[in-house]
Amino acid sequence: MVDSDPKFTVLQWDNELANVSLIRNGLLGCTPTSPELAITFQCLELYHQLRRRQSSFGIQAYAKVLCELHGISQF
């Protein structure tokens, strides 16, 4: 779920906003203009699913989320 390489280059087309370039690459910038940090949509989805299941992030909730994300019937 989390990329092991925390830095990589995102190509920005002429006259394209930085966040548009990031979104095209599956990232969301942390600021509206000139973002220097971005979060992957996968990371946001994982956080969303964890919060939906159980706010305490217990091991059972984590297992359920992994099953959901991988399309496996829950146990």
N, C-alpha and C. Protein backbone atom coordinates (compact mmCIF):
# COMPACT_ATOMS: atom_id res chain seq x y z
N MET A 1 0.81 -1.19 0.00
CA MET A 1 0.00 0.00 0.00
C MET A 1 0.85 1.26 0.00
N VAL A 2 1.98 1.20 0.62
CA VAL A 2 2.83 2.38 0.71
C VAL A 2 4.07 2.15 -0.13
N ASP A 3 4.37 3.13 -0.96
CA ASP A 3 5.55 3.04 -1.82
C ASP A 3 6.81 3.18 -0.98
N SER A 4 7.80 2.33 -1.26
CA SER A 4 9.03 2.38 -0.48
C SER A 4 9.93 3.53 -0.89
N ASP A 5 9.69 4.12 -2.06
CA ASP A 5 10.49 5.25 -2.53
C ASP A 5 9.74 6.54 -2.23
N PRO A 6 10.15 7.28 -1.21
CA PRO A 6 9.39 8.47 -0.82
C PRO A 6 9.54 9.66 -1.77
N LYS A 7 10.51 9.61 -2.69
CA LYS A 7 10.70 10.72 -3.62
C LYS A 7 10.70 10.21 -5.06
N PHE A 8 9.98 10.92 -5.90
CA PHE A 8 10.05 10.66 -7.33
C PHE A 8 9.61 11.90 -8.07
N THR A 9 9.89 11.96 -9.35
CA THR A 9 9.61 13.14 -10.16
C THR A 9 8.26 13.01 -10.85
N VAL A 10 7.48 14.08 -10.81
CA VAL A 10 6.21 14.15 -11.52
C VAL A 10 6.38 15.18 -12.63
N LEU A 11 6.16 14.76 -13.86
CA LEU A 11 6.28 15.68 -14.99
C LEU A 11 5.06 16.57 -15.07
N GLN A 12 5.30 17.86 -15.27
CA GLN A 12 4.23 18.84 -15.37
C GLN A 12 4.20 19.41 -16.77
N TRP A 13 3.06 19.32 -17.43
CA TRP A 13 2.92 19.85 -18.78
C TRP A 13 2.90 21.37 -18.75
N ASP A 14 3.15 22.00 -19.91
CA ASP A 14 3.08 23.46 -20.01
C ASP A 14 1.69 23.95 -19.60
N ASN A 15 1.64 25.01 -18.86
CA ASN A 15 0.39 25.64 -18.40
C ASN A 15 -0.51 24.71 -17.59
N GLU A 16 0.06 23.70 -16.96
CA GLU A 16 -0.72 22.78 -16.13
C GLU A 16 -0.45 23.09 -14.66
N LEU A 17 -1.50 23.16 -13.87
CA LEU A 17 -1.36 23.38 -12.44
C LEU A 17 -0.66 22.19 -11.79
N ALA A 18 0.09 22.47 -10.74
CA ALA A 18 0.86 21.42 -10.08
C ALA A 18 -0.04 20.30 -9.56
N ASN A 19 -1.17 20.65 -8.95
CA ASN A 19 -2.05 19.62 -8.41
C ASN A 19 -2.70 18.78 -9.50
N VAL A 20 -2.90 19.35 -10.67
CA VAL A 20 -3.43 18.57 -11.79
C VAL A 20 -2.43 17.50 -12.19
N SER A 21 -1.16 17.87 -12.25
CA SER A 21 -0.10 16.91 -12.57
C SER A 21 -0.02 15.80 -11.52
N LEU A 22 -0.14 16.20 -10.26
CA LEU A 22 -0.09 15.21 -9.18
C LEU A 22 -1.28 14.25 -9.27
N ILE A 23 -2.46 14.79 -9.48
CA ILE A 23 -3.66 13.94 -9.57
C ILE A 23 -3.54 12.98 -10.73
N ARG A 24 -3.00 13.45 -11.84
CA ARG A 24 -2.80 12.58 -13.00
C ARG A 24 -1.90 11.39 -12.66
N ASN A 25 -1.06 11.55 -11.65
CA ASN A 25 -0.14 10.50 -11.21
C ASN A 25 -0.60 9.80 -9.94
N GLY A 26 -1.85 10.00 -9.54
CA GLY A 26 -2.39 9.30 -8.38
C GLY A 26 -2.00 9.89 -7.04
N LEU A 27 -1.70 11.18 -7.04
CA LEU A 27 -1.27 11.86 -5.81
C LEU A 27 -2.15 13.07 -5.53
N LEU A 28 -2.22 13.46 -4.27
CA LEU A 28 -2.94 14.66 -3.89
C LEU A 28 -1.97 15.56 -3.13
N GLY A 29 -1.77 16.78 -3.65
CA GLY A 29 -0.87 17.72 -3.01
C GLY A 29 -1.42 18.19 -1.68
N CYS A 30 -0.52 18.49 -0.76
CA CYS A 30 -0.93 18.92 0.59
C CYS A 30 -1.20 20.41 0.68
N THR A 31 -0.90 21.16 -0.37
CA THR A 31 -1.22 22.59 -0.42
C THR A 31 -1.84 22.90 -1.78
N PRO A 32 -2.67 23.95 -1.86
CA PRO A 32 -3.34 24.24 -3.13
C PRO A 32 -2.41 24.74 -4.24
N THR A 33 -1.34 25.45 -3.86
CA THR A 33 -0.39 25.93 -4.88
C THR A 33 1.02 25.52 -4.49
N SER A 34 1.81 25.17 -5.46
CA SER A 34 3.22 24.77 -5.28
C SER A 34 3.42 23.72 -4.20
N PRO A 35 2.74 22.59 -4.29
CA PRO A 35 2.91 21.55 -3.27
C PRO A 35 4.30 20.92 -3.34
N GLU A 36 4.86 20.68 -2.18
CA GLU A 36 6.14 20.00 -2.07
C GLU A 36 5.98 18.61 -1.48
N LEU A 37 4.79 18.32 -0.99
CA LEU A 37 4.48 17.04 -0.36
C LEU A 37 3.14 16.58 -0.90
N ALA A 38 3.02 15.28 -1.17
CA ALA A 38 1.78 14.73 -1.69
C ALA A 38 1.50 13.37 -1.06
N ILE A 39 0.24 12.99 -1.04
CA ILE A 39 -0.21 11.72 -0.48
C ILE A 39 -0.85 10.92 -1.60
N THR A 40 -0.57 9.62 -1.65
CA THR A 40 -1.17 8.78 -2.69
C THR A 40 -2.65 8.56 -2.39
N PHE A 41 -3.43 8.37 -3.44
CA PHE A 41 -4.84 8.06 -3.27
C PHE A 41 -5.01 6.72 -2.56
N GLN A 42 -4.08 5.79 -2.77
CA GLN A 42 -4.13 4.50 -2.07
C GLN A 42 -4.01 4.70 -0.57
N CYS A 43 -3.13 5.58 -0.17
CA CYS A 43 -2.94 5.85 1.26
C CYS A 43 -4.21 6.48 1.84
N LEU A 44 -4.81 7.41 1.12
CA LEU A 44 -6.05 8.03 1.58
C LEU A 44 -7.18 7.02 1.66
N GLU A 45 -7.25 6.11 0.70
CA GLU A 45 -8.29 5.07 0.72
C GLU A 45 -8.11 4.15 1.92
N LEU A 46 -6.87 3.78 2.21
CA LEU A 46 -6.61 2.94 3.38
C LEU A 46 -7.06 3.64 4.66
N TYR A 47 -6.70 4.90 4.80
CA TYR A 47 -7.11 5.67 5.97
C TYR A 47 -8.64 5.75 6.08
N HIS A 48 -9.27 6.02 4.96
CA HIS A 48 -10.74 6.12 4.93
C HIS A 48 -11.38 4.80 5.37
N GLN A 49 -10.90 3.70 4.83
CA GLN A 49 -11.47 2.40 5.18
C GLN A 49 -11.24 2.07 6.66
N LEU A 50 -10.06 2.40 7.18
CA LEU A 50 -9.78 2.16 8.59
C LEU A 50 -10.73 2.96 9.48
N ARG A 51 -10.92 4.22 9.15
CA ARG A 51 -11.81 5.06 9.95
C ARG A 51 -13.27 4.59 9.86
N ARG A 52 -13.67 4.07 8.71
CA ARG A 52 -15.03 3.57 8.55
C ARG A 52 -15.27 2.33 9.40
N ARG A 53 -14.27 1.47 9.51
CA ARG A 53 -14.42 0.20 10.22
C ARG A 53 -14.33 0.37 11.74
N GLN A 54 -13.29 1.04 12.17
CA GLN A 54 -13.08 1.16 13.61
C GLN A 54 -12.02 2.24 13.86
N SER A 55 -12.38 3.22 14.63
CA SER A 55 -11.46 4.35 14.82
C SER A 55 -10.25 3.99 15.66
N SER A 56 -10.28 2.90 16.41
CA SER A 56 -9.13 2.53 17.25
C SER A 56 -8.04 1.79 16.48
N PHE A 57 -8.28 1.44 15.22
CA PHE A 57 -7.29 0.76 14.37
C PHE A 57 -6.77 -0.54 14.96
N GLY A 58 -7.62 -1.34 15.56
CA GLY A 58 -7.23 -2.64 16.10
C GLY A 58 -6.86 -3.61 14.99
N ILE A 59 -6.26 -4.73 15.37
CA ILE A 59 -5.81 -5.71 14.39
C ILE A 59 -6.97 -6.32 13.61
N GLN A 60 -8.12 -6.52 14.26
CA GLN A 60 -9.27 -7.08 13.57
C GLN A 60 -9.80 -6.11 12.51
N ALA A 61 -9.87 -4.84 12.85
CA ALA A 61 -10.31 -3.84 11.87
C ALA A 61 -9.34 -3.76 10.70
N TYR A 62 -8.05 -3.82 10.99
CA TYR A 62 -7.04 -3.77 9.94
C TYR A 62 -7.19 -4.97 9.00
N ALA A 63 -7.41 -6.16 9.55
CA ALA A 63 -7.60 -7.36 8.73
C ALA A 63 -8.83 -7.24 7.84
N LYS A 64 -9.91 -6.68 8.39
CA LYS A 64 -11.13 -6.49 7.60
C LYS A 64 -10.90 -5.52 6.45
N VAL A 65 -10.17 -4.46 6.71
CA VAL A 65 -9.87 -3.48 5.67
C VAL A 65 -9.03 -4.11 4.56
N LEU A 66 -8.03 -4.87 4.93
CA LEU A 66 -7.20 -5.54 3.92
C LEU A 66 -8.04 -6.48 3.06
N CYS A 67 -8.95 -7.20 3.68
CA CYS A 67 -9.85 -8.08 2.92
C CYS A 67 -10.70 -7.26 1.96
N GLU A 68 -11.25 -6.16 2.44
CA GLU A 68 -12.09 -5.29 1.60
C GLU A 68 -11.31 -4.74 0.41
N LEU A 69 -10.11 -4.26 0.66
CA LEU A 69 -9.31 -3.66 -0.41
C LEU A 69 -8.87 -4.69 -1.45
N HIS A 70 -8.76 -5.96 -1.05
CA HIS A 70 -8.33 -7.00 -1.98
C HIS A 70 -9.49 -7.84 -2.49
N GLY A 71 -10.72 -7.45 -2.16
CA GLY A 71 -11.90 -8.13 -2.69
C GLY A 71 -12.11 -9.53 -2.13
N ILE A 72 -11.69 -9.78 -0.89
CA ILE A 72 -11.83 -11.09 -0.25
C ILE A 72 -12.99 -11.03 0.72
N SER A 73 -13.85 -12.06 0.72
CA SER A 73 -14.95 -12.10 1.66
C SER A 73 -14.42 -12.10 3.08
N GLN A 74 -15.07 -11.35 3.93
CA GLN A 74 -14.60 -11.27 5.32
C GLN A 74 -14.81 -12.59 6.03
N PHE A 75 -13.99 -12.85 7.01
CA PHE A 75 -14.02 -14.10 7.76
C PHE A 75 -15.11 -14.11 8.79
